[in-house]
Structures are given as C-alpha cells and as structure tokens.
C-alpha atoms as a PDB file:
ATOM      1  CA  MET A   1      12.978 -14.738   9.178  1.00  0.00           C
ATOM      2  CA  LEU A   2      13.852 -13.634  12.414  1.00  0.00           C
ATOM      3  CA  ILE A   3      12.266 -15.370  15.721  1.00  0.00           C
ATOM      4  CA  ARG A   4      12.271 -14.439  19.105  1.00  0.00           C
ATOM      5  CA  LEU A   5      12.757 -17.264  21.342  1.00  0.00           C
ATOM      6  CA  SER A   6      11.368 -15.937  24.991  1.00  0.00           C
ATOM      7  CA  LYS A   7      13.604 -17.252  27.992  1.00  0.00           C
ATOM      8  CA  THR A   8      11.645 -21.091  28.513  1.00  0.00           C
ATOM      9  CA  THR A   9      11.523 -24.320  31.154  1.00  0.00           C
ATOM     10  CA  CYS A  10      10.563 -27.116  30.290  1.00  0.00           C
ATOM     11  CA  ASP A  11       9.303 -29.159  32.822  1.00  0.00           C
ATOM     12  CA  SER A  12      10.458 -32.682  30.830  1.00  0.00           C
ATOM     13  CA  LEU A  13      11.941 -34.175  27.828  1.00  0.00           C
ATOM     14  CA  GLY A  14       8.490 -33.980  25.763  1.00  0.00           C
ATOM     15  CA  ASP A  15       8.071 -29.939  26.751  1.00  0.00           C
ATOM     16  CA  PHE A  16      11.837 -29.779  25.474  1.00  0.00           C
ATOM     17  CA  VAL A  17      11.092 -31.242  22.410  1.00  0.00           C
ATOM     18  CA  ASP A  18       7.934 -29.787  21.293  1.00  0.00           C
ATOM     19  CA  TYR A  19       9.355 -26.394  21.720  1.00  0.00           C
ATOM     20  CA  TRP A  20      11.892 -26.008  19.782  1.00  0.00           C
ATOM     21  CA  GLU A  21      10.606 -28.747  16.769  1.00  0.00           C
ATOM     22  CA  GLN A  22       8.375 -25.991  15.987  1.00  0.00           C
ATOM     23  CA  PHE A  23      11.651 -23.434  14.612  1.00  0.00           C
ATOM     24  CA  TYR A  24      12.595 -27.517  12.485  1.00  0.00           C
ATOM     25  CA  GLU A  25      12.231 -26.319   8.774  1.00  0.00           C
ATOM     26  CA  ASP A  26      11.120 -28.798   7.016  1.00  0.00           C
ATOM     27  CA  SER A  27      13.051 -28.856   3.329  1.00  0.00           C
ATOM     28  CA  LYS A  28       9.660 -28.795   1.082  1.00  0.00           C
ATOM     29  CA  GLN A  29      12.386 -30.384  -1.573  1.00  0.00           C
ATOM     30  CA  HIS A  30      12.995 -32.747   0.480  1.00  0.00           C
ATOM     31  CA  PRO A  31      10.753 -32.940   3.024  1.00  0.00           C
ATOM     32  CA  ASP A  32      10.843 -35.700   6.069  1.00  0.00           C
ATOM     33  CA  ALA A  33       8.078 -37.613   4.786  1.00  0.00           C
ATOM     34  CA  GLU A  34       9.661 -38.475   2.693  1.00  0.00           C
ATOM     35  CA  PHE A  35      12.796 -39.219   3.851  1.00  0.00           C
ATOM     36  CA  LEU A  36      10.892 -40.987   7.071  1.00  0.00           C
ATOM     37  CA  ARG A  37       9.322 -42.814   3.449  1.00  0.00           C
ATOM     38  CA  HIS A  38      12.490 -44.188   2.803  1.00  0.00           C
ATOM     39  CA  LEU A  39      14.410 -44.730   5.717  1.00  0.00           C
ATOM     40  CA  LYS A  40      11.879 -47.498   6.168  1.00  0.00           C
ATOM     41  CA  TRP A  41      12.452 -47.311   9.710  1.00  0.00           C
ATOM     42  CA  LYS A  42       9.140 -49.864  10.951  1.00  0.00           C
ATOM     43  CA  GLY A  43      11.591 -52.566   9.633  1.00  0.00           C
ATOM     44  CA  GLY A  44      12.519 -53.395   5.990  1.00  0.00           C
ATOM     45  CA  LYS A  45      16.082 -53.309   3.250  1.00  0.00           C
ATOM     46  CA  LEU A  46      16.644 -50.006   2.008  1.00  0.00           C
ATOM     47  CA  LYS A  47      17.177 -50.617  -2.009  1.00  0.00           C
ATOM     48  CA  GLU A  48      18.899 -48.662  -4.415  1.00  0.00           C
ATOM     49  CA  ASP A  49      16.039 -44.982  -4.894  1.00  0.00           C
ATOM     50  CA  ASP A  50      15.700 -45.060  -1.320  1.00  0.00           C
ATOM     51  CA  VAL A  51      19.708 -43.912  -0.488  1.00  0.00           C
ATOM     52  CA  ARG A  52      19.819 -42.635  -3.244  1.00  0.00           C
ATOM     53  CA  TYR A  53      16.724 -40.354  -1.563  1.00  0.00           C
ATOM     54  CA  LEU A  54      18.696 -40.082   1.639  1.00  0.00           C
ATOM     55  CA  PHE A  55      21.727 -38.805   0.932  1.00  0.00           C
ATOM     56  CA  GLY A  56      19.602 -36.235  -1.014  1.00  0.00           C
ATOM     57  CA  TRP A  57      18.021 -36.051   1.496  1.00  0.00           C
ATOM     58  CA  LYS A  58      20.903 -35.456   3.357  1.00  0.00           C
ATOM     59  CA  TYR A  59      23.931 -33.578   1.065  1.00  0.00           C
ATOM     60  CA  ARG A  60      22.003 -31.861  -1.123  1.00  0.00           C
ATOM     61  CA  PRO A  61      24.208 -29.344  -1.140  1.00  0.00           C
ATOM     62  CA  VAL A  62      27.945 -31.758  -1.531  1.00  0.00           C
ATOM     63  CA  PRO A  63      27.556 -33.717  -4.984  1.00  0.00           C
ATOM     64  CA  SER A  64      30.649 -35.556  -4.150  1.00  0.00           C
ATOM     65  CA  TRP A  65      28.804 -37.261  -1.447  1.00  0.00           C
ATOM     66  CA  ASN A  66      27.517 -39.713  -4.038  1.00  0.00           C
ATOM     67  CA  PRO A  67      25.614 -42.328  -2.662  1.00  0.00           C
ATOM     68  CA  ARG A  68      27.479 -45.370  -5.266  1.00  0.00           C
ATOM     69  CA  PRO A  69      29.454 -46.812  -3.080  1.00  0.00           C
ATOM     70  CA  VAL A  70      26.528 -47.679  -0.567  1.00  0.00           C
ATOM     71  CA  ILE A  71      24.986 -48.818  -3.046  1.00  0.00           C
ATOM     72  CA  LYS A  72      27.685 -50.759  -4.202  1.00  0.00           C
ATOM     73  CA  ARG A  73      26.948 -52.562  -1.019  1.00  0.00           C
ATOM     74  CA  LEU A  74      23.259 -52.519  -0.105  1.00  0.00           C
ATOM     75  CA  HIS A  75      23.201 -56.544   0.634  1.00  0.00           C
ATOM     76  CA  GLU A  76      25.218 -56.026   3.281  1.00  0.00           C
ATOM     77  CA  LEU A  77      23.920 -52.412   4.872  1.00  0.00           C
ATOM     78  CA  ASN A  78      20.260 -55.127   4.871  1.00  0.00           C
ATOM     79  CA  GLU A  79      21.963 -57.302   6.171  1.00  0.00           C
ATOM     80  CA  LEU A  80      22.697 -54.861   9.904  1.00  0.00           C
ATOM     81  CA  ARG A  81      19.625 -53.828   9.379  1.00  0.00           C
ATOM     82  CA  PHE A  82      18.840 -52.222  13.067  1.00  0.00           C
ATOM     83  CA  LYS A  83      21.583 -53.616  14.519  1.00  0.00           C
ATOM     84  CA  GLU A  84      24.408 -52.117  16.380  1.00  0.00           C
ATOM     85  CA  GLY A  85      27.878 -52.487  17.739  1.00  0.00           C
ATOM     86  CA  ARG A  86      31.452 -52.967  15.983  1.00  0.00           C
ATOM     87  CA  SER A  87      30.137 -54.490  13.062  1.00  0.00           C
ATOM     88  CA  VAL A  88      27.777 -51.363  11.829  1.00  0.00           C
ATOM     89  CA  ASP A  89      30.185 -49.034  12.220  1.00  0.00           C
ATOM     90  CA  GLU A  90      33.328 -50.644  10.792  1.00  0.00           C
ATOM     91  CA  PHE A  91      30.513 -50.867   7.587  1.00  0.00           C
ATOM     92  CA  GLY A  92      30.741 -47.380   7.745  1.00  0.00           C
ATOM     93  CA  LYS A  93      33.601 -45.993   8.582  1.00  0.00           C
ATOM     94  CA  ALA A  94      34.489 -47.876   5.508  1.00  0.00           C
ATOM     95  CA  LEU A  95      32.824 -46.361   2.899  1.00  0.00           C
ATOM     96  CA  SER A  96      32.950 -42.977   4.715  1.00  0.00           C
ATOM     97  CA  LYS A  97      35.809 -41.115   3.017  1.00  0.00           C
ATOM     98  CA  GLY A  98      34.385 -38.138   3.109  1.00  0.00           C
ATOM     99  CA  GLY A  99      34.292 -37.545   7.499  1.00  0.00           C
ATOM    100  CA  MET A 100      32.613 -38.456  10.541  1.00  0.00           C
ATOM    101  CA  VAL A 101      28.904 -37.080   9.816  1.00  0.00           C
ATOM    102  CA  LYS A 102      28.715 -39.239   6.817  1.00  0.00           C
ATOM    103  CA  ARG A 103      30.166 -42.513   8.295  1.00  0.00           C
ATOM    104  CA  PHE A 104      27.480 -42.184  11.144  1.00  0.00           C
ATOM    105  CA  PHE A 105      24.597 -41.215   8.654  1.00  0.00           C
ATOM    106  CA  ILE A 106      26.189 -44.694   6.925  1.00  0.00           C
ATOM    107  CA  CYS A 107      25.378 -46.097  10.151  1.00  0.00           C
ATOM    108  CA  HIS A 108      21.897 -44.057  11.367  1.00  0.00           C
ATOM    109  CA  ILE A 109      19.949 -45.505   7.790  1.00  0.00           C
ATOM    110  CA  THR A 110      21.401 -48.789   8.671  1.00  0.00           C
ATOM    111  CA  SER A 111      20.090 -48.637  12.457  1.00  0.00           C
ATOM    112  CA  PRO A 112      18.769 -45.576  12.552  1.00  0.00           C
ATOM    113  CA  TRP A 113      17.173 -46.390  16.337  1.00  0.00           C
ATOM    114  CA  LYS A 114      21.036 -46.744  17.271  1.00  0.00           C
ATOM    115  CA  TYR A 115      22.450 -44.139  15.331  1.00  0.00           C
ATOM    116  CA  PRO A 116      21.605 -40.580  15.784  1.00  0.00           C
ATOM    117  CA  ILE A 117      22.314 -38.218  12.995  1.00  0.00           C
ATOM    118  CA  TRP A 118      24.932 -36.085  13.688  1.00  0.00           C
ATOM    119  CA  ASP A 119      26.603 -32.686  12.269  1.00  0.00           C
ATOM    120  CA  GLN A 120      27.452 -29.428  13.691  1.00  0.00           C
ATOM    121  CA  TYR A 121      24.241 -28.485  15.187  1.00  0.00           C
ATOM    122  CA  VAL A 122      22.956 -31.710  16.849  1.00  0.00           C
ATOM    123  CA  LEU A 123      27.380 -31.128  18.623  1.00  0.00           C
ATOM    124  CA  ARG A 124      26.293 -27.349  19.964  1.00  0.00           C
ATOM    125  CA  ALA A 125      22.689 -28.626  21.076  1.00  0.00           C
ATOM    126  CA  HIS A 126      24.024 -31.230  23.096  1.00  0.00           C
ATOM    127  CA  LEU A 127      27.504 -29.215  23.565  1.00  0.00           C
ATOM    128  CA  LEU A 128      25.462 -26.858  25.546  1.00  0.00           C
ATOM    129  CA  ILE A 129      22.348 -29.431  27.180  1.00  0.00           C
ATOM    130  CA  SER A 130      25.499 -31.067  28.552  1.00  0.00           C
ATOM    131  CA  GLY A 131      27.413 -27.964  30.106  1.00  0.00           C
ATOM    132  CA  ARG A 132      29.880 -27.653  28.114  1.00  0.00           C
ATOM    133  CA  ALA A 133      28.810 -24.078  26.388  1.00  0.00           C
ATOM    134  CA  SER A 134      32.569 -22.744  26.792  1.00  0.00           C
ATOM    135  CA  GLU A 135      33.638 -25.619  24.046  1.00  0.00           C
ATOM    136  CA  LEU A 136      31.061 -24.431  21.865  1.00  0.00           C
ATOM    137  CA  ASP A 137      34.177 -22.603  19.807  1.00  0.00           C
ATOM    138  CA  GLN A 138      35.784 -25.619  19.000  1.00  0.00           C
ATOM    139  CA  ALA A 139      32.283 -26.869  17.329  1.00  0.00           C
ATOM    140  CA  ASP A 140      34.213 -27.475  13.872  1.00  0.00           C
ATOM    141  CA  GLU A 141      37.244 -30.084  15.982  1.00  0.00           C
ATOM    142  CA  LEU A 142      34.878 -32.196  18.638  1.00  0.00           C
ATOM    143  CA  ILE A 143      32.630 -32.679  14.632  1.00  0.00           C
ATOM    144  CA  ARG A 144      35.728 -35.068  14.051  1.00  0.00           C
ATOM    145  CA  ASP A 145      35.633 -36.842  17.405  1.00  0.00           C
ATOM    146  CA  GLU A 146      34.649 -40.191  17.661  1.00  0.00           C
ATOM    147  CA  ASN A 147      34.337 -40.008  21.330  1.00  0.00           C
ATOM    148  CA  GLU A 148      32.259 -37.189  20.849  1.00  0.00           C
ATOM    149  CA  TYR A 149      30.222 -39.541  18.349  1.00  0.00           C
ATOM    150  CA  GLU A 150      29.872 -41.889  21.759  1.00  0.00           C
ATOM    151  CA  SER A 151      28.712 -39.336  23.979  1.00  0.00           C
ATOM    152  CA  TYR A 152      26.291 -37.512  22.516  1.00  0.00           C
ATOM    153  CA  ARG A 153      25.501 -41.224  20.890  1.00  0.00           C
ATOM    154  CA  ILE A 154      24.762 -42.600  24.441  1.00  0.00           C
ATOM    155  CA  ASN A 155      22.995 -39.152  25.404  1.00  0.00           C
ATOM    156  CA  PHE A 156      20.741 -39.562  22.502  1.00  0.00           C
ATOM    157  CA  ASN A 157      19.471 -42.926  23.569  1.00  0.00           C
ATOM    158  CA  ASN A 158      18.525 -42.555  27.080  1.00  0.00           C
ATOM    159  CA  TRP A 159      17.157 -39.302  26.362  1.00  0.00           C
ATOM    160  CA  VAL A 160      15.181 -40.415  22.986  1.00  0.00           C
ATOM    161  CA  THR A 161      13.544 -42.917  25.833  1.00  0.00           C
ATOM    162  CA  GLN A 162      11.134 -39.880  27.183  1.00  0.00           C
ATOM    163  CA  VAL A 163      10.047 -38.260  24.070  1.00  0.00           C
ATOM    164  CA  HIS A 164       6.442 -40.079  22.541  1.00  0.00           C
ATOM    165  CA  GLY A 165       5.794 -40.044  18.935  1.00  0.00           C
ATOM    166  CA  LYS A 166       3.456 -37.657  16.959  1.00  0.00           C
ATOM    167  CA  THR A 167       1.744 -37.579  13.728  1.00  0.00           C
ATOM    168  CA  SER A 168       0.710 -34.502  12.131  1.00  0.00           C
ATOM    169  CA  SER A 169      -0.366 -34.232   8.323  1.00  0.00           C
ATOM    170  CA  SER A 170      -0.522 -38.031   8.294  1.00  0.00           C
ATOM    171  CA  THR A 171       3.069 -38.811   8.577  1.00  0.00           C
ATOM    172  CA  GLU A 172       3.879 -40.498  11.546  1.00  0.00           C
ATOM    173  CA  PHE A 173       7.530 -38.907  13.573  1.00  0.00           C
ATOM    174  CA  PRO A 174       8.971 -41.514  15.893  1.00  0.00           C
ATOM    175  CA  PRO A 175      10.789 -40.442  18.683  1.00  0.00           C
ATOM    176  CA  PHE A 176      14.069 -39.728  17.438  1.00  0.00           C
ATOM    177  CA  ARG A 177      12.707 -38.764  14.502  1.00  0.00           C
ATOM    178  CA  ARG A 178      11.257 -35.562  16.484  1.00  0.00           C
ATOM    179  CA  LEU A 179      14.593 -35.501  19.538  1.00  0.00           C
ATOM    180  CA  ASP A 180      16.996 -34.539  16.427  1.00  0.00           C
ATOM    181  CA  ARG A 181      14.563 -32.725  14.569  1.00  0.00           C
ATOM    182  CA  ALA A 182      14.340 -30.526  18.041  1.00  0.00           C
ATOM    183  CA  LEU A 183      18.303 -31.505  18.668  1.00  0.00           C
ATOM    184  CA  PHE A 184      19.459 -29.487  15.105  1.00  0.00           C
ATOM    185  CA  ALA A 185      17.088 -26.256  15.624  1.00  0.00           C
ATOM    186  CA  MET A 186      18.787 -24.941  19.117  1.00  0.00           C
ATOM    187  CA  GLY A 187      21.992 -25.989  17.799  1.00  0.00           C
ATOM    188  CA  LYS A 188      21.061 -23.896  14.253  1.00  0.00           C
ATOM    189  CA  HIS A 189      19.587 -21.293  17.025  1.00  0.00           C
ATOM    190  CA  ILE A 190      22.709 -21.290  19.586  1.00  0.00           C
ATOM    191  CA  ARG A 191      24.601 -20.908  15.958  1.00  0.00           C
ATOM    192  CA  ILE A 192      23.158 -17.888  14.404  1.00  0.00           C
ATOM    193  CA  VAL A 193      23.513 -16.491  18.357  1.00  0.00           C
ATOM    194  CA  LEU A 194      26.671 -16.740  18.371  1.00  0.00           C
ATOM    195  CA  ASN A 195      27.778 -15.248  14.823  1.00  0.00           C
ATOM    196  CA  SER A 196      25.255 -11.809  15.353  1.00  0.00           C
END
C-alpha cells in the first residue's frame, strides 16, 4: 500500500495525533482493543494471561522474548503498578536481558501512564519533532541509550497532557495510547522515506 502525505501543518498536538493516528495499522491478530483490555490501564492487577497477551502483542515476531520471567515475578509487578521511579526502572532492568526496548515495555505494562513504549519508530519521530533530524541515521545506537529514553519519556509525558482520549469502535483509547500510535505511524513513515 502506498500512502502519499501532503505537507500539513498542525496547530496543536491534538491535531498532530489526529493526523498521524489515521496511518497506524492495527494488527488483526493482536488488535489494540485487546492490548488495552489486557493492559488494564484504568487500574487493576495483571494476571498471567494478561502478560502473555501483552508480550505477544509487542513481540509476536521475536520468539526469544519470553514472558515467563515476568510472570514469575507477577506479584512484584502488581505491587509496582502505576508507580514511577527507581523501583520500576530496576524491575524492568532486572527482567530485560534482551535490551532497552524490552526493559521499557516491562516498565510500560507496569505503569502505562508514566512509561511510554520505546522502539525504533517512536525514537525516529521523537528525533524529528525535537529538531534532531540530522541524528536519524544514528537510531540504531540511540535506541540503546538510557538518556535518550529518559528524554523521550519526559517529552512524551509533557505532550500527552495535550492529547484527549477517544472512543472508536466501542474501545476507549487513552491519550498515551493515541500519542504512541501517532508517533509509531510517523516513525514508520520516516523509515520508509529514508529507505526509499
């Protein structure tokens, strides 16, 4: 599928999200509606099935990223739900021998309002929005930089206050999910443009 994007200016971050979110491709096998249901973003403790689904949603093409270590420490994860700080960071770090993308995904499912999902697409969008387009070719190194994630996390948490939730097809999409979808779609588009 070829998408042609016109030059569009956005008057607000809400307009930005409305624009880019339309290009987000929801997985038919692992839809965002199910992801949000298992994430229990409004509150509640995660169960084993929730963690399995969440890992399958994010890491479906990477079989080596097994949810079992997180499931073994599910009680601890639930104790940290919706918190922020060193204890959440350390929990994610202890369970993420696979790197920072996995580490901050564990932080995200622990505290979805405070820890955005980290991947190459949102990183590229962040670099472009932050006026750092000249660093786009360094994304492979920057994705492994803790300070880069923290910069993204701070910006994301500031930006998300300007985004409203939205209900679509009877699913309530919270601001943090809508912003992630928009940044992911933008970052994916940037990668396609850079590779063409």
